[in-house]
Amino acid sequence: MAHKEYEKAKDFVEDIVLSFDRELKRESDKFDIMVSKVERSYNTADISFRKADSIEKKIEPMEKQLGAFDKSYQTISQTITKNLDDNTRNSNTILSGLSGLEAKLKNIETAQETLRNRITGFEEHIQRLSVTPLQQETRSEIALPPIPIKRDKALAALTDTEITVLEILSKEGAKTAPEIRERVHLSREHTARLMKKLYEDGYLEREAGKIPFRYTVKKEMEALLQKVQNSSAQ
C-alpha cells in the first residue's frame, strides 16, 4: 500500500514538472516573439515588457507550488521508507515466531508417535483379554518358552506380535496385510499400522506393483532370525 502511494505521488510530481516545463516553454516562446517586436518598434516594446512582467508573475506562484510539492514528495518518501523498515522488523518477528512454532510441532509429532505406540500396546492387551475362557485356560496350561528373538539387540524394541509377524514371513514367504491379519487376529487398521511400522523401521520390504502390498522379510533380517532360532535350538 505504501509503495503504491509512493508511485502515485511520484507520478503526480513528475506531471506537474512536465506541465511547468511546457508552460514555461510556451511563455518563453511568446517572450521571444515580443522581443522581436521590440526590435521593430519602440512602442510595442512597452507592451511586451508588460506581458513579460505578467508572465513572471504567473511563473512565481508555479515555482512556489512546485517547491511545496517537492517538500510533500520528500515527506512521503521518508514515510514510505519508515514503513518499509517497520515491515522488515515485523517480518523478522514473524519468522522467529514460525521457528518457535516449528519446534512445537516437532514436539507434538513426537508426542503423537509415543501415543500411537501406547495405543498399539493397549490394542494388543485388549486383544489378549478378548480371547475366550477356553483359550485362556489352554494357554495357562501350556507353558510357552520365551521367544529367543527378543534377546537379540536388533529386535529388542519389537513387540511379541511384531516378532510373530517376522517369523511368519520368514518361514512362509511374502504375504499381504489381510493374510497377516488372519494369523495374528488383530483389526484391519491395527494390522495395517503394524505392517507399515515394520516396513518403515527397515525390517520388511514390500512389492508396490499392486494393492494390497505384499510384504517380505529383508534378507539381513531373515538371516538374523535364522541365526537366533538356531542358537535357541542348541
Protein backbone atom coordinates (compact mmCIF):
# COMPACT_ATOMS: atom_id res chain seq x y z
CA MET A 1 0.00 0.00 0.00
CA ALA A 2 2.79 2.43 0.92
CA HIS A 3 4.64 1.58 -2.28
CA LYS A 4 1.57 2.40 -4.39
CA GLU A 5 1.17 5.76 -2.61
CA TYR A 6 4.83 6.48 -3.27
CA GLU A 7 4.48 5.75 -7.01
CA LYS A 8 1.29 7.81 -7.20
CA ALA A 9 2.95 10.82 -5.55
CA LYS A 10 6.00 10.46 -7.77
CA ASP A 11 3.89 10.42 -10.95
CA PHE A 12 1.91 13.41 -9.69
CA VAL A 13 5.07 15.46 -9.11
CA GLU A 14 6.50 14.47 -12.49
CA ASP A 15 3.28 15.57 -14.21
CA ILE A 16 3.48 18.96 -12.51
CA VAL A 17 7.14 19.40 -13.55
CA LEU A 18 6.33 18.50 -17.16
CA SER A 19 3.34 20.83 -17.13
CA PHE A 20 5.52 23.56 -15.70
CA ASP A 21 8.17 22.99 -18.39
CA ARG A 22 5.58 23.11 -21.16
CA GLU A 23 4.03 26.27 -19.75
CA LEU A 24 7.44 27.83 -19.37
CA LYS A 25 8.37 26.95 -22.93
CA ARG A 26 5.15 28.40 -24.28
CA GLU A 27 5.61 31.60 -22.32
CA SER A 28 9.26 31.73 -23.34
CA ASP A 29 8.27 31.45 -26.99
CA LYS A 30 5.83 34.27 -26.51
CA PHE A 31 8.54 36.29 -24.86
CA ASP A 32 10.87 35.74 -27.82
CA ILE A 33 8.19 36.94 -30.16
CA MET A 34 7.73 40.02 -28.04
CA VAL A 35 11.47 40.73 -28.03
CA SER A 36 11.44 40.54 -31.80
CA LYS A 37 8.67 43.05 -31.91
CA VAL A 38 10.60 45.33 -29.54
CA GLU A 39 13.41 45.43 -32.09
CA ARG A 40 10.96 46.58 -34.72
CA SER A 41 9.09 49.12 -32.70
CA TYR A 42 9.73 51.03 -29.50
CA ASN A 43 6.03 51.39 -28.83
CA THR A 44 5.41 47.65 -28.93
CA ALA A 45 8.40 47.15 -26.57
CA ASP A 46 6.49 48.72 -23.73
CA ILE A 47 3.61 46.32 -24.28
CA SER A 48 5.99 43.37 -24.47
CA PHE A 49 7.61 44.40 -21.22
CA ARG A 50 4.26 44.43 -19.51
CA LYS A 51 3.45 40.99 -20.87
CA ALA A 52 6.81 39.66 -19.74
CA ASP A 53 6.15 41.04 -16.29
CA SER A 54 2.79 39.31 -16.34
CA ILE A 55 4.46 36.03 -17.30
CA GLU A 56 6.93 36.37 -14.46
CA LYS A 57 4.09 36.89 -12.04
CA LYS A 58 2.46 33.71 -13.34
CA ILE A 59 5.68 31.73 -13.05
CA GLU A 60 6.41 32.78 -9.48
CA PRO A 61 3.33 31.05 -7.93
CA MET A 62 4.05 27.97 -10.01
CA GLU A 63 7.59 27.84 -8.62
CA LYS A 64 6.24 28.17 -5.10
CA GLN A 65 3.74 25.39 -5.80
CA LEU A 66 6.49 23.19 -7.22
CA GLY A 67 8.54 23.78 -4.06
CA ALA A 68 5.59 22.78 -1.91
CA PHE A 69 5.11 19.60 -3.93
CA ASP A 70 8.82 18.82 -3.60
CA LYS A 71 8.52 19.05 0.19
CA SER A 72 5.46 16.78 0.09
CA TYR A 73 7.39 14.32 -2.05
CA GLN A 74 10.25 14.23 0.46
CA THR A 75 7.81 13.72 3.36
CA ILE A 76 6.04 10.86 1.56
CA SER A 77 9.39 9.27 0.65
CA GLN A 78 10.53 9.36 4.29
CA THR A 79 7.19 7.91 5.45
CA ILE A 80 7.40 5.06 2.94
CA THR A 81 10.99 4.29 3.95
CA LYS A 82 9.98 4.17 7.63
CA ASN A 83 7.03 1.89 6.83
CA LEU A 84 9.30 -0.45 4.86
CA ASP A 85 11.70 -0.64 7.81
CA ASP A 86 8.80 -1.38 10.18
CA ASN A 87 7.53 -4.09 7.82
CA THR A 88 11.01 -5.64 7.70
CA ARG A 89 11.17 -5.77 11.51
CA ASN A 90 7.67 -7.26 11.64
CA SER A 91 8.69 -9.91 9.09
CA ASN A 92 11.71 -10.86 11.21
CA THR A 93 9.45 -11.15 14.25
CA ILE A 94 7.04 -13.38 12.31
CA LEU A 95 9.91 -15.60 11.11
CA SER A 96 11.12 -16.00 14.69
CA GLY A 97 7.61 -16.96 15.75
CA LEU A 98 7.38 -19.51 12.93
CA SER A 99 10.68 -21.08 14.03
CA GLY A 100 9.28 -21.50 17.54
CA LEU A 101 6.07 -22.94 16.10
CA GLU A 102 8.05 -25.45 14.04
CA ALA A 103 9.82 -26.66 17.18
CA LYS A 104 6.48 -27.03 18.95
CA LEU A 105 5.08 -29.01 16.00
CA LYS A 106 8.05 -31.39 16.18
CA ASN A 107 7.38 -31.89 19.89
CA ILE A 108 3.72 -32.58 19.10
CA GLU A 109 4.71 -35.13 16.43
CA THR A 110 7.00 -36.87 18.93
CA ALA A 111 4.19 -36.95 21.50
CA GLN A 112 1.79 -38.33 18.86
CA GLU A 113 4.25 -41.10 17.97
CA THR A 114 4.57 -42.02 21.65
CA LEU A 115 0.79 -42.02 21.95
CA ARG A 116 0.42 -44.26 18.88
CA ASN A 117 2.87 -46.74 20.37
CA ARG A 118 0.88 -46.78 23.62
CA ILE A 119 -2.37 -47.27 21.71
CA THR A 120 -0.79 -50.17 19.84
CA GLY A 121 0.21 -51.75 23.15
CA PHE A 122 -3.30 -51.22 24.57
CA GLU A 123 -4.86 -52.80 21.48
CA GLU A 124 -2.66 -55.85 21.83
CA HIS A 125 -3.53 -56.08 25.51
CA ILE A 126 -7.25 -55.78 24.74
CA GLN A 127 -6.88 -58.41 22.02
CA ARG A 128 -5.35 -60.81 24.52
CA LEU A 129 -8.11 -60.09 27.03
CA SER A 130 -10.81 -60.70 24.39
CA VAL A 131 -9.95 -64.40 23.91
CA THR A 132 -12.46 -66.99 25.16
CA PRO A 133 -12.10 -68.53 28.63
CA LEU A 134 -11.22 -71.83 26.95
CA GLN A 135 -8.38 -70.25 25.05
CA GLN A 136 -7.18 -68.58 28.25
CA GLU A 137 -7.30 -71.89 30.13
CA THR A 138 -5.47 -73.70 27.35
CA ARG A 139 -2.80 -71.03 27.24
CA SER A 140 -2.36 -71.20 31.02
CA GLU A 141 -1.88 -74.95 30.84
CA ILE A 142 0.76 -74.75 28.11
CA ALA A 143 3.92 -73.07 29.33
CA LEU A 144 5.31 -71.44 26.18
CA PRO A 145 9.04 -70.83 26.18
CA PRO A 146 10.10 -67.20 25.86
CA ILE A 147 10.73 -66.10 22.32
CA PRO A 148 14.50 -66.06 21.93
CA ILE A 149 14.41 -63.40 19.24
CA LYS A 150 13.65 -60.65 21.77
CA ARG A 151 17.01 -61.31 23.42
CA ASP A 152 18.79 -60.00 20.33
CA LYS A 153 19.60 -56.30 20.49
CA ALA A 154 18.42 -55.65 16.91
CA LEU A 155 14.91 -56.93 17.76
CA ALA A 156 14.69 -55.86 21.40
CA ALA A 157 12.31 -52.99 20.62
CA LEU A 158 9.73 -55.21 18.89
CA THR A 159 6.53 -56.48 20.50
CA ASP A 160 5.54 -60.14 20.62
CA THR A 161 3.09 -59.61 17.77
CA GLU A 162 5.70 -57.91 15.59
CA ILE A 163 8.15 -60.76 16.17
CA THR A 164 5.42 -63.27 15.32
CA VAL A 165 4.79 -61.45 12.01
CA LEU A 166 8.52 -61.56 11.19
CA GLU A 167 8.66 -65.29 11.94
CA ILE A 168 5.59 -65.99 9.75
CA LEU A 169 7.05 -64.09 6.80
CA SER A 170 10.47 -65.66 7.30
CA LYS A 171 9.07 -69.21 7.27
CA GLU A 172 6.18 -68.87 4.81
CA GLY A 173 7.29 -66.12 2.41
CA ALA A 174 5.54 -62.98 1.14
CA LYS A 175 2.07 -62.14 2.48
CA THR A 176 -0.38 -59.24 2.38
CA ALA A 177 -1.67 -57.37 5.42
CA PRO A 178 -5.10 -59.14 5.21
CA GLU A 179 -3.32 -62.51 5.23
CA ILE A 180 -1.26 -61.50 8.25
CA ARG A 181 -4.42 -60.24 9.99
CA GLU A 182 -5.95 -63.70 9.79
CA ARG A 183 -2.90 -65.14 11.53
CA VAL A 184 -2.44 -62.60 14.33
CA HIS A 185 -6.18 -61.93 14.89
CA LEU A 186 -5.95 -58.12 15.00
CA SER A 187 -8.23 -55.47 13.50
CA ARG A 188 -7.67 -54.38 9.91
CA GLU A 189 -6.49 -50.91 10.97
CA HIS A 190 -4.17 -52.28 13.64
CA THR A 191 -2.62 -54.80 11.23
CA ALA A 192 -2.12 -52.12 8.56
CA ARG A 193 -0.34 -49.86 11.06
CA LEU A 194 1.79 -52.75 12.29
CA MET A 195 2.93 -53.72 8.77
CA LYS A 196 3.63 -50.09 7.85
CA LYS A 197 5.71 -49.63 11.03
CA LEU A 198 7.81 -52.75 10.35
CA TYR A 199 8.34 -51.57 6.78
CA GLU A 200 9.32 -48.00 7.75
CA ASP A 201 11.62 -49.29 10.53
CA GLY A 202 13.55 -51.32 7.95
CA TYR A 203 12.51 -54.87 8.89
CA LEU A 204 10.39 -55.56 5.80
CA GLU A 205 10.31 -54.98 2.07
CA ARG A 206 7.10 -54.62 0.05
CA GLU A 207 6.04 -55.04 -3.56
CA ALA A 208 4.45 -51.78 -4.68
CA GLY A 209 3.22 -53.09 -8.03
CA LYS A 210 -0.31 -53.75 -6.83
CA ILE A 211 -2.60 -53.30 -3.84
CA PRO A 212 -2.70 -54.76 -1.25
CA PHE A 213 1.07 -54.70 -0.85
CA ARG A 214 2.91 -57.98 -0.39
CA TYR A 215 5.47 -57.89 2.40
CA THR A 216 8.66 -59.94 2.77
CA VAL A 217 11.37 -60.03 5.40
CA LYS A 218 14.60 -58.35 4.39
CA LYS A 219 17.47 -60.74 3.70
CA GLU A 220 19.58 -59.50 6.58
CA MET A 221 16.63 -59.73 8.99
CA GLU A 222 15.81 -63.23 7.76
CA ALA A 223 19.42 -64.29 8.36
CA LEU A 224 19.27 -62.77 11.84
CA LEU A 225 16.04 -64.63 12.65
CA GLN A 226 17.54 -67.91 11.42
CA LYS A 227 20.68 -67.34 13.50
CA VAL A 228 18.70 -66.64 16.65
CA GLN A 229 16.41 -69.63 16.09
CA ASN A 230 19.43 -71.92 15.55
CA SER A 231 21.05 -70.62 18.73
CA SER A 232 17.82 -71.30 20.63
CA ALA A 233 17.59 -74.83 19.26
CA GLN A 234 21.09 -75.61 20.51
